[in-house]
Amino acid sequence: SSKYPCDLTLSQLFEQQVEKAPENIALSYEGKEITYRELNERANRFARFLRKKGVEPESIVGVLLDRSIDMMVGIMGILKAGGAYLPIDPDYPQERIASIISDSGTCFLVTGMELNQKLLSTKILEGSALEILIIDSPDREFENEDGGNIECVNNSSSPAYVMYTSGSTGMPKGTITTHYNISRVVK
């Protein structure tokens, strides 16, 4: 049985892995690969961008993206910024997406250009104060930020993500999971 450092966040644990094997492949998806160092640098840039936008410790940030390297950059960036990510499946019915966003109280939604066009065409978020952050926009505003590790502003008992139930018994409910509760089961 290994001793688990229960006082570290997921992003701190990730940074330890980056230090151990920076040039190893962290992700491989649809023929694209990214090393731990590259993923860490992009996530740090995105985290700084998120903090400038107003993401602070325990902010809930929606993630409406298809599986991709950008999705992982977004999730790690949210965690590094101190926020908790809220995964939203792009295939959910539009009403469910709107309901989750409204109920969660998130002020930010990380998405892609194509999915944003779909959201705009359905008008489900019309009148919402939600700030939409396009992670794959051509200008990639965040790429100009510093890629070095960002100061950690949360701890292992801070929320890491919010998951909504299926709603089979009525209204879907959000459950919050902490950094510690995720990492303690991964050894």
C-alpha atoms as a PDB file:
ATOM      1  CA  SER A   1       0.000   0.000   0.000  1.00  0.00           C
ATOM      2  CA  SER A   2       1.412   3.383  -0.983  1.00  0.00           C
ATOM      3  CA  LYS A   3       1.169   6.542   1.079  1.00  0.00           C
ATOM      4  CA  TYR A   4      -0.926   9.164  -0.661  1.00  0.00           C
ATOM      5  CA  PRO A   5      -0.102  12.866  -0.248  1.00  0.00           C
ATOM      6  CA  CYS A   6      -3.607  13.928   0.803  1.00  0.00           C
ATOM      7  CA  ASP A   7      -2.727  17.615   0.979  1.00  0.00           C
ATOM      8  CA  LEU A   8      -2.127  18.137  -2.759  1.00  0.00           C
ATOM      9  CA  THR A   9      -4.522  19.286  -5.479  1.00  0.00           C
ATOM     10  CA  LEU A  10      -4.900  17.458  -8.780  1.00  0.00           C
ATOM     11  CA  SER A  11      -2.949  20.200 -10.540  1.00  0.00           C
ATOM     12  CA  GLN A  12      -0.092  19.884  -8.030  1.00  0.00           C
ATOM     13  CA  LEU A  13      -0.027  16.119  -8.563  1.00  0.00           C
ATOM     14  CA  PHE A  14      -0.033  16.705 -12.317  1.00  0.00           C
ATOM     15  CA  GLU A  15       2.892  19.136 -11.988  1.00  0.00           C
ATOM     16  CA  GLN A  16       4.839  16.449 -10.110  1.00  0.00           C
ATOM     17  CA  GLN A  17       4.294  14.095 -13.058  1.00  0.00           C
ATOM     18  CA  VAL A  18       5.433  16.827 -15.454  1.00  0.00           C
ATOM     19  CA  GLU A  19       8.685  17.174 -13.483  1.00  0.00           C
ATOM     20  CA  LYS A  20       9.277  13.399 -13.618  1.00  0.00           C
ATOM     21  CA  ALA A  21       8.707  12.949 -17.356  1.00  0.00           C
ATOM     22  CA  PRO A  22       8.252  16.274 -19.179  1.00  0.00           C
ATOM     23  CA  GLU A  23       8.833  14.888 -22.680  1.00  0.00           C
ATOM     24  CA  ASN A  24       6.668  11.791 -22.300  1.00  0.00           C
ATOM     25  CA  ILE A  25       3.374  11.771 -24.173  1.00  0.00           C
ATOM     26  CA  ALA A  26       0.583  12.927 -21.874  1.00  0.00           C
ATOM     27  CA  LEU A  27      -2.257  12.686 -24.410  1.00  0.00           C
ATOM     28  CA  SER A  28      -2.787  11.100 -27.763  1.00  0.00           C
ATOM     29  CA  TYR A  29      -6.049  11.736 -29.583  1.00  0.00           C
ATOM     30  CA  GLU A  30      -6.988  11.280 -33.224  1.00  0.00           C
ATOM     31  CA  GLY A  31      -3.398  11.263 -34.401  1.00  0.00           C
ATOM     32  CA  LYS A  32      -2.344  14.276 -32.318  1.00  0.00           C
ATOM     33  CA  GLU A  33      -0.006  14.027 -29.350  1.00  0.00           C
ATOM     34  CA  ILE A  34       1.049  16.399 -26.618  1.00  0.00           C
ATOM     35  CA  THR A  35       3.782  15.971 -24.016  1.00  0.00           C
ATOM     36  CA  TYR A  36       3.355  16.566 -20.294  1.00  0.00           C
ATOM     37  CA  ARG A  37       5.440  19.730 -20.600  1.00  0.00           C
ATOM     38  CA  GLU A  38       3.343  21.071 -23.489  1.00  0.00           C
ATOM     39  CA  LEU A  39       0.056  20.239 -21.760  1.00  0.00           C
ATOM     40  CA  ASN A  40       1.260  21.856 -18.526  1.00  0.00           C
ATOM     41  CA  GLU A  41       2.395  25.037 -20.308  1.00  0.00           C
ATOM     42  CA  ARG A  42      -0.866  25.379 -22.261  1.00  0.00           C
ATOM     43  CA  ALA A  43      -2.919  24.705 -19.105  1.00  0.00           C
ATOM     44  CA  ASN A  44      -0.899  27.350 -17.207  1.00  0.00           C
ATOM     45  CA  ARG A  45      -1.544  29.877 -19.976  1.00  0.00           C
ATOM     46  CA  PHE A  46      -5.253  29.076 -19.950  1.00  0.00           C
ATOM     47  CA  ALA A  47      -5.342  29.280 -16.120  1.00  0.00           C
ATOM     48  CA  ARG A  48      -3.835  32.782 -16.194  1.00  0.00           C
ATOM     49  CA  PHE A  49      -6.361  33.792 -18.856  1.00  0.00           C
ATOM     50  CA  LEU A  50      -9.205  32.413 -16.700  1.00  0.00           C
ATOM     51  CA  ARG A  51      -8.003  34.292 -13.625  1.00  0.00           C
ATOM     52  CA  LYS A  52      -7.902  37.535 -15.629  1.00  0.00           C
ATOM     53  CA  LYS A  53     -11.488  36.818 -16.701  1.00  0.00           C
ATOM     54  CA  GLY A  54     -12.513  36.477 -13.056  1.00  0.00           C
ATOM     55  CA  VAL A  55     -12.232  32.769 -12.234  1.00  0.00           C
ATOM     56  CA  GLU A  56     -11.260  32.477  -8.600  1.00  0.00           C
ATOM     57  CA  PRO A  57     -11.034  29.670  -6.033  1.00  0.00           C
ATOM     58  CA  GLU A  58     -14.128  27.488  -6.136  1.00  0.00           C
ATOM     59  CA  SER A  59     -15.632  29.183  -9.209  1.00  0.00           C
ATOM     60  CA  ILE A  60     -17.609  26.682 -11.255  1.00  0.00           C
ATOM     61  CA  VAL A  61     -16.631  26.715 -14.923  1.00  0.00           C
ATOM     62  CA  GLY A  62     -18.702  24.805 -17.461  1.00  0.00           C
ATOM     63  CA  VAL A  63     -16.894  22.734 -20.078  1.00  0.00           C
ATOM     64  CA  LEU A  64     -18.964  22.033 -23.191  1.00  0.00           C
ATOM     65  CA  LEU A  65     -16.467  20.358 -25.502  1.00  0.00           C
ATOM     66  CA  ASP A  66     -16.097  17.172 -27.477  1.00  0.00           C
ATOM     67  CA  ARG A  67     -13.209  14.945 -26.414  1.00  0.00           C
ATOM     68  CA  SER A  68      -9.986  16.539 -27.555  1.00  0.00           C
ATOM     69  CA  ILE A  69      -6.625  17.810 -26.407  1.00  0.00           C
ATOM     70  CA  ASP A  70      -8.252  21.245 -26.046  1.00  0.00           C
ATOM     71  CA  MET A  71     -10.755  19.718 -23.613  1.00  0.00           C
ATOM     72  CA  MET A  72      -7.911  18.514 -21.374  1.00  0.00           C
ATOM     73  CA  VAL A  73      -6.129  21.888 -21.627  1.00  0.00           C
ATOM     74  CA  GLY A  74      -9.402  23.502 -20.536  1.00  0.00           C
ATOM     75  CA  ILE A  75      -9.969  21.157 -17.603  1.00  0.00           C
ATOM     76  CA  MET A  76      -6.376  21.421 -16.340  1.00  0.00           C
ATOM     77  CA  GLY A  77      -6.478  25.200 -16.816  1.00  0.00           C
ATOM     78  CA  ILE A  78      -9.656  25.451 -14.753  1.00  0.00           C
ATOM     79  CA  LEU A  79      -8.128  23.345 -11.964  1.00  0.00           C
ATOM     80  CA  LYS A  80      -4.904  25.379 -12.024  1.00  0.00           C
ATOM     81  CA  ALA A  81      -6.910  28.634 -11.876  1.00  0.00           C
ATOM     82  CA  GLY A  82      -8.518  27.292  -8.687  1.00  0.00           C
ATOM     83  CA  GLY A  83     -11.910  26.613 -10.197  1.00  0.00           C
ATOM     84  CA  ALA A  84     -14.026  23.488 -10.412  1.00  0.00           C
ATOM     85  CA  TYR A  85     -15.028  22.212 -13.814  1.00  0.00           C
ATOM     86  CA  LEU A  86     -18.549  21.265 -14.767  1.00  0.00           C
ATOM     87  CA  PRO A  87     -18.566  18.769 -17.664  1.00  0.00           C
ATOM     88  CA  ILE A  88     -21.529  19.246 -20.000  1.00  0.00           C
ATOM     89  CA  ASP A  89     -22.028  16.707 -22.779  1.00  0.00           C
ATOM     90  CA  PRO A  90     -22.590  18.503 -26.106  1.00  0.00           C
ATOM     91  CA  ASP A  91     -25.083  15.756 -27.009  1.00  0.00           C
ATOM     92  CA  TYR A  92     -27.403  16.622 -24.117  1.00  0.00           C
ATOM     93  CA  PRO A  93     -30.748  18.120 -25.143  1.00  0.00           C
ATOM     94  CA  GLN A  94     -30.538  21.917 -25.287  1.00  0.00           C
ATOM     95  CA  GLU A  95     -32.983  22.319 -22.396  1.00  0.00           C
ATOM     96  CA  ARG A  96     -30.792  20.126 -20.156  1.00  0.00           C
ATOM     97  CA  ILE A  97     -27.704  22.167 -21.040  1.00  0.00           C
ATOM     98  CA  ALA A  98     -29.533  25.387 -20.187  1.00  0.00           C
ATOM     99  CA  SER A  99     -30.888  23.894 -16.952  1.00  0.00           C
ATOM    100  CA  ILE A 100     -27.449  22.682 -15.772  1.00  0.00           C
ATOM    101  CA  ILE A 101     -25.844  26.034 -16.542  1.00  0.00           C
ATOM    102  CA  SER A 102     -28.597  27.911 -14.748  1.00  0.00           C
ATOM    103  CA  ASP A 103     -28.724  25.610 -11.702  1.00  0.00           C
ATOM    104  CA  SER A 104     -24.940  25.434 -11.254  1.00  0.00           C
ATOM    105  CA  GLY A 105     -24.514  29.189 -11.044  1.00  0.00           C
ATOM    106  CA  THR A 106     -21.549  29.118 -13.388  1.00  0.00           C
ATOM    107  CA  CYS A 107     -20.557  32.430 -14.940  1.00  0.00           C
ATOM    108  CA  PHE A 108     -18.181  30.912 -17.511  1.00  0.00           C
ATOM    109  CA  LEU A 109     -18.498  28.296 -20.229  1.00  0.00           C
ATOM    110  CA  VAL A 110     -15.467  26.900 -22.063  1.00  0.00           C
ATOM    111  CA  THR A 111     -16.454  25.621 -25.485  1.00  0.00           C
ATOM    112  CA  GLY A 112     -15.284  25.384 -29.095  1.00  0.00           C
ATOM    113  CA  MET A 113     -16.148  27.486 -32.121  1.00  0.00           C
ATOM    114  CA  GLU A 114     -18.498  24.898 -33.705  1.00  0.00           C
ATOM    115  CA  LEU A 115     -20.326  24.144 -30.464  1.00  0.00           C
ATOM    116  CA  ASN A 116     -20.662  27.861 -29.755  1.00  0.00           C
ATOM    117  CA  GLN A 117     -22.331  28.340 -33.143  1.00  0.00           C
ATOM    118  CA  LYS A 118     -24.767  25.565 -32.215  1.00  0.00           C
ATOM    119  CA  LEU A 119     -25.511  27.287 -28.882  1.00  0.00           C
ATOM    120  CA  LEU A 120     -26.050  30.621 -30.617  1.00  0.00           C
ATOM    121  CA  SER A 121     -28.377  29.108 -33.213  1.00  0.00           C
ATOM    122  CA  THR A 122     -30.596  27.484 -30.553  1.00  0.00           C
ATOM    123  CA  LYS A 123     -30.718  30.682 -28.476  1.00  0.00           C
ATOM    124  CA  ILE A 124     -30.907  28.609 -25.262  1.00  0.00           C
ATOM    125  CA  LEU A 125     -28.524  30.948 -23.483  1.00  0.00           C
ATOM    126  CA  GLU A 126     -30.067  34.156 -24.764  1.00  0.00           C
ATOM    127  CA  GLY A 127     -30.299  36.733 -21.992  1.00  0.00           C
ATOM    128  CA  SER A 128     -27.825  34.793 -19.839  1.00  0.00           C
ATOM    129  CA  ALA A 129     -24.936  36.598 -18.143  1.00  0.00           C
ATOM    130  CA  LEU A 130     -22.736  33.605 -18.972  1.00  0.00           C
ATOM    131  CA  GLU A 131     -19.340  34.482 -20.447  1.00  0.00           C
ATOM    132  CA  ILE A 132     -18.423  32.092 -23.234  1.00  0.00           C
ATOM    133  CA  LEU A 133     -14.717  31.347 -23.656  1.00  0.00           C
ATOM    134  CA  ILE A 134     -13.779  29.795 -27.009  1.00  0.00           C
ATOM    135  CA  ILE A 135     -10.735  27.589 -26.413  1.00  0.00           C
ATOM    136  CA  ASP A 136     -10.053  26.857 -30.094  1.00  0.00           C
ATOM    137  CA  SER A 137     -10.565  30.356 -31.499  1.00  0.00           C
ATOM    138  CA  PRO A 138      -8.033  31.353 -34.172  1.00  0.00           C
ATOM    139  CA  ASP A 139      -6.558  34.138 -32.012  1.00  0.00           C
ATOM    140  CA  ARG A 140      -6.211  31.887 -28.921  1.00  0.00           C
ATOM    141  CA  GLU A 141      -5.898  34.906 -26.670  1.00  0.00           C
ATOM    142  CA  PHE A 142      -4.569  32.787 -23.833  1.00  0.00           C
ATOM    143  CA  GLU A 143      -1.535  31.564 -25.793  1.00  0.00           C
ATOM    144  CA  ASN A 144       0.205  34.901 -25.019  1.00  0.00           C
ATOM    145  CA  GLU A 145       0.127  34.208 -21.259  1.00  0.00           C
ATOM    146  CA  ASP A 146       3.107  32.888 -19.281  1.00  0.00           C
ATOM    147  CA  GLY A 147       3.443  29.084 -19.506  1.00  0.00           C
ATOM    148  CA  GLY A 148       5.219  28.664 -16.151  1.00  0.00           C
ATOM    149  CA  ASN A 149       3.437  27.036 -13.227  1.00  0.00           C
ATOM    150  CA  ILE A 150       0.830  29.300 -11.691  1.00  0.00           C
ATOM    151  CA  GLU A 151       0.509  29.819  -7.946  1.00  0.00           C
ATOM    152  CA  CYS A 152      -1.894  27.337  -6.359  1.00  0.00           C
ATOM    153  CA  VAL A 153      -4.836  29.120  -4.691  1.00  0.00           C
ATOM    154  CA  ASN A 154      -6.826  26.136  -3.445  1.00  0.00           C
ATOM    155  CA  ASN A 155      -6.232  22.898  -1.529  1.00  0.00           C
ATOM    156  CA  SER A 156      -7.155  19.225  -1.590  1.00  0.00           C
ATOM    157  CA  SER A 157     -10.512  19.886   0.094  1.00  0.00           C
ATOM    158  CA  SER A 158     -11.490  22.431  -2.590  1.00  0.00           C
ATOM    159  CA  PRO A 159     -14.056  21.452  -5.240  1.00  0.00           C
ATOM    160  CA  ALA A 160     -12.505  19.929  -8.375  1.00  0.00           C
ATOM    161  CA  TYR A 161     -15.608  19.191 -10.408  1.00  0.00           C
ATOM    162  CA  VAL A 162     -19.376  19.247 -10.347  1.00  0.00           C
ATOM    163  CA  MET A 163     -21.287  16.343 -11.872  1.00  0.00           C
ATOM    164  CA  TYR A 164     -24.998  16.431 -12.563  1.00  0.00           C
ATOM    165  CA  THR A 165     -27.108  13.318 -12.007  1.00  0.00           C
ATOM    166  CA  SER A 166     -29.250  11.953 -14.813  1.00  0.00           C
ATOM    167  CA  GLY A 167     -32.370  13.385 -13.231  1.00  0.00           C
ATOM    168  CA  SER A 168     -34.176  10.037 -13.423  1.00  0.00           C
ATOM    169  CA  THR A 169     -35.975  10.809 -10.144  1.00  0.00           C
ATOM    170  CA  GLY A 170     -36.983  14.322 -11.182  1.00  0.00           C
ATOM    171  CA  MET A 171     -34.675  17.312 -11.507  1.00  0.00           C
ATOM    172  CA  PRO A 172     -30.964  16.626 -12.052  1.00  0.00           C
ATOM    173  CA  LYS A 173     -28.827  17.493  -9.034  1.00  0.00           C
ATOM    174  CA  GLY A 174     -25.237  18.674  -8.975  1.00  0.00           C
ATOM    175  CA  THR A 175     -22.746  16.847  -6.774  1.00  0.00           C
ATOM    176  CA  ILE A 176     -19.404  18.395  -5.904  1.00  0.00           C
ATOM    177  CA  THR A 177     -16.260  16.280  -5.736  1.00  0.00           C
ATOM    178  CA  THR A 178     -13.065  17.544  -4.100  1.00  0.00           C
ATOM    179  CA  HIS A 179      -9.496  17.123  -5.318  1.00  0.00           C
ATOM    180  CA  TYR A 180      -8.825  14.687  -2.495  1.00  0.00           C
ATOM    181  CA  ASN A 181     -11.877  12.540  -3.257  1.00  0.00           C
ATOM    182  CA  ILE A 182     -10.692  12.083  -6.843  1.00  0.00           C
ATOM    183  CA  SER A 183      -7.032  11.454  -6.194  1.00  0.00           C
ATOM    184  CA  ARG A 184      -7.435   9.159  -3.186  1.00  0.00           C
ATOM    185  CA  VAL A 185      -8.930   6.470  -5.424  1.00  0.00           C
ATOM    186  CA  VAL A 186      -6.179   6.784  -8.049  1.00  0.00           C
ATOM    187  CA  LYS A 187      -2.974   5.098  -6.906  1.00  0.00           C
END
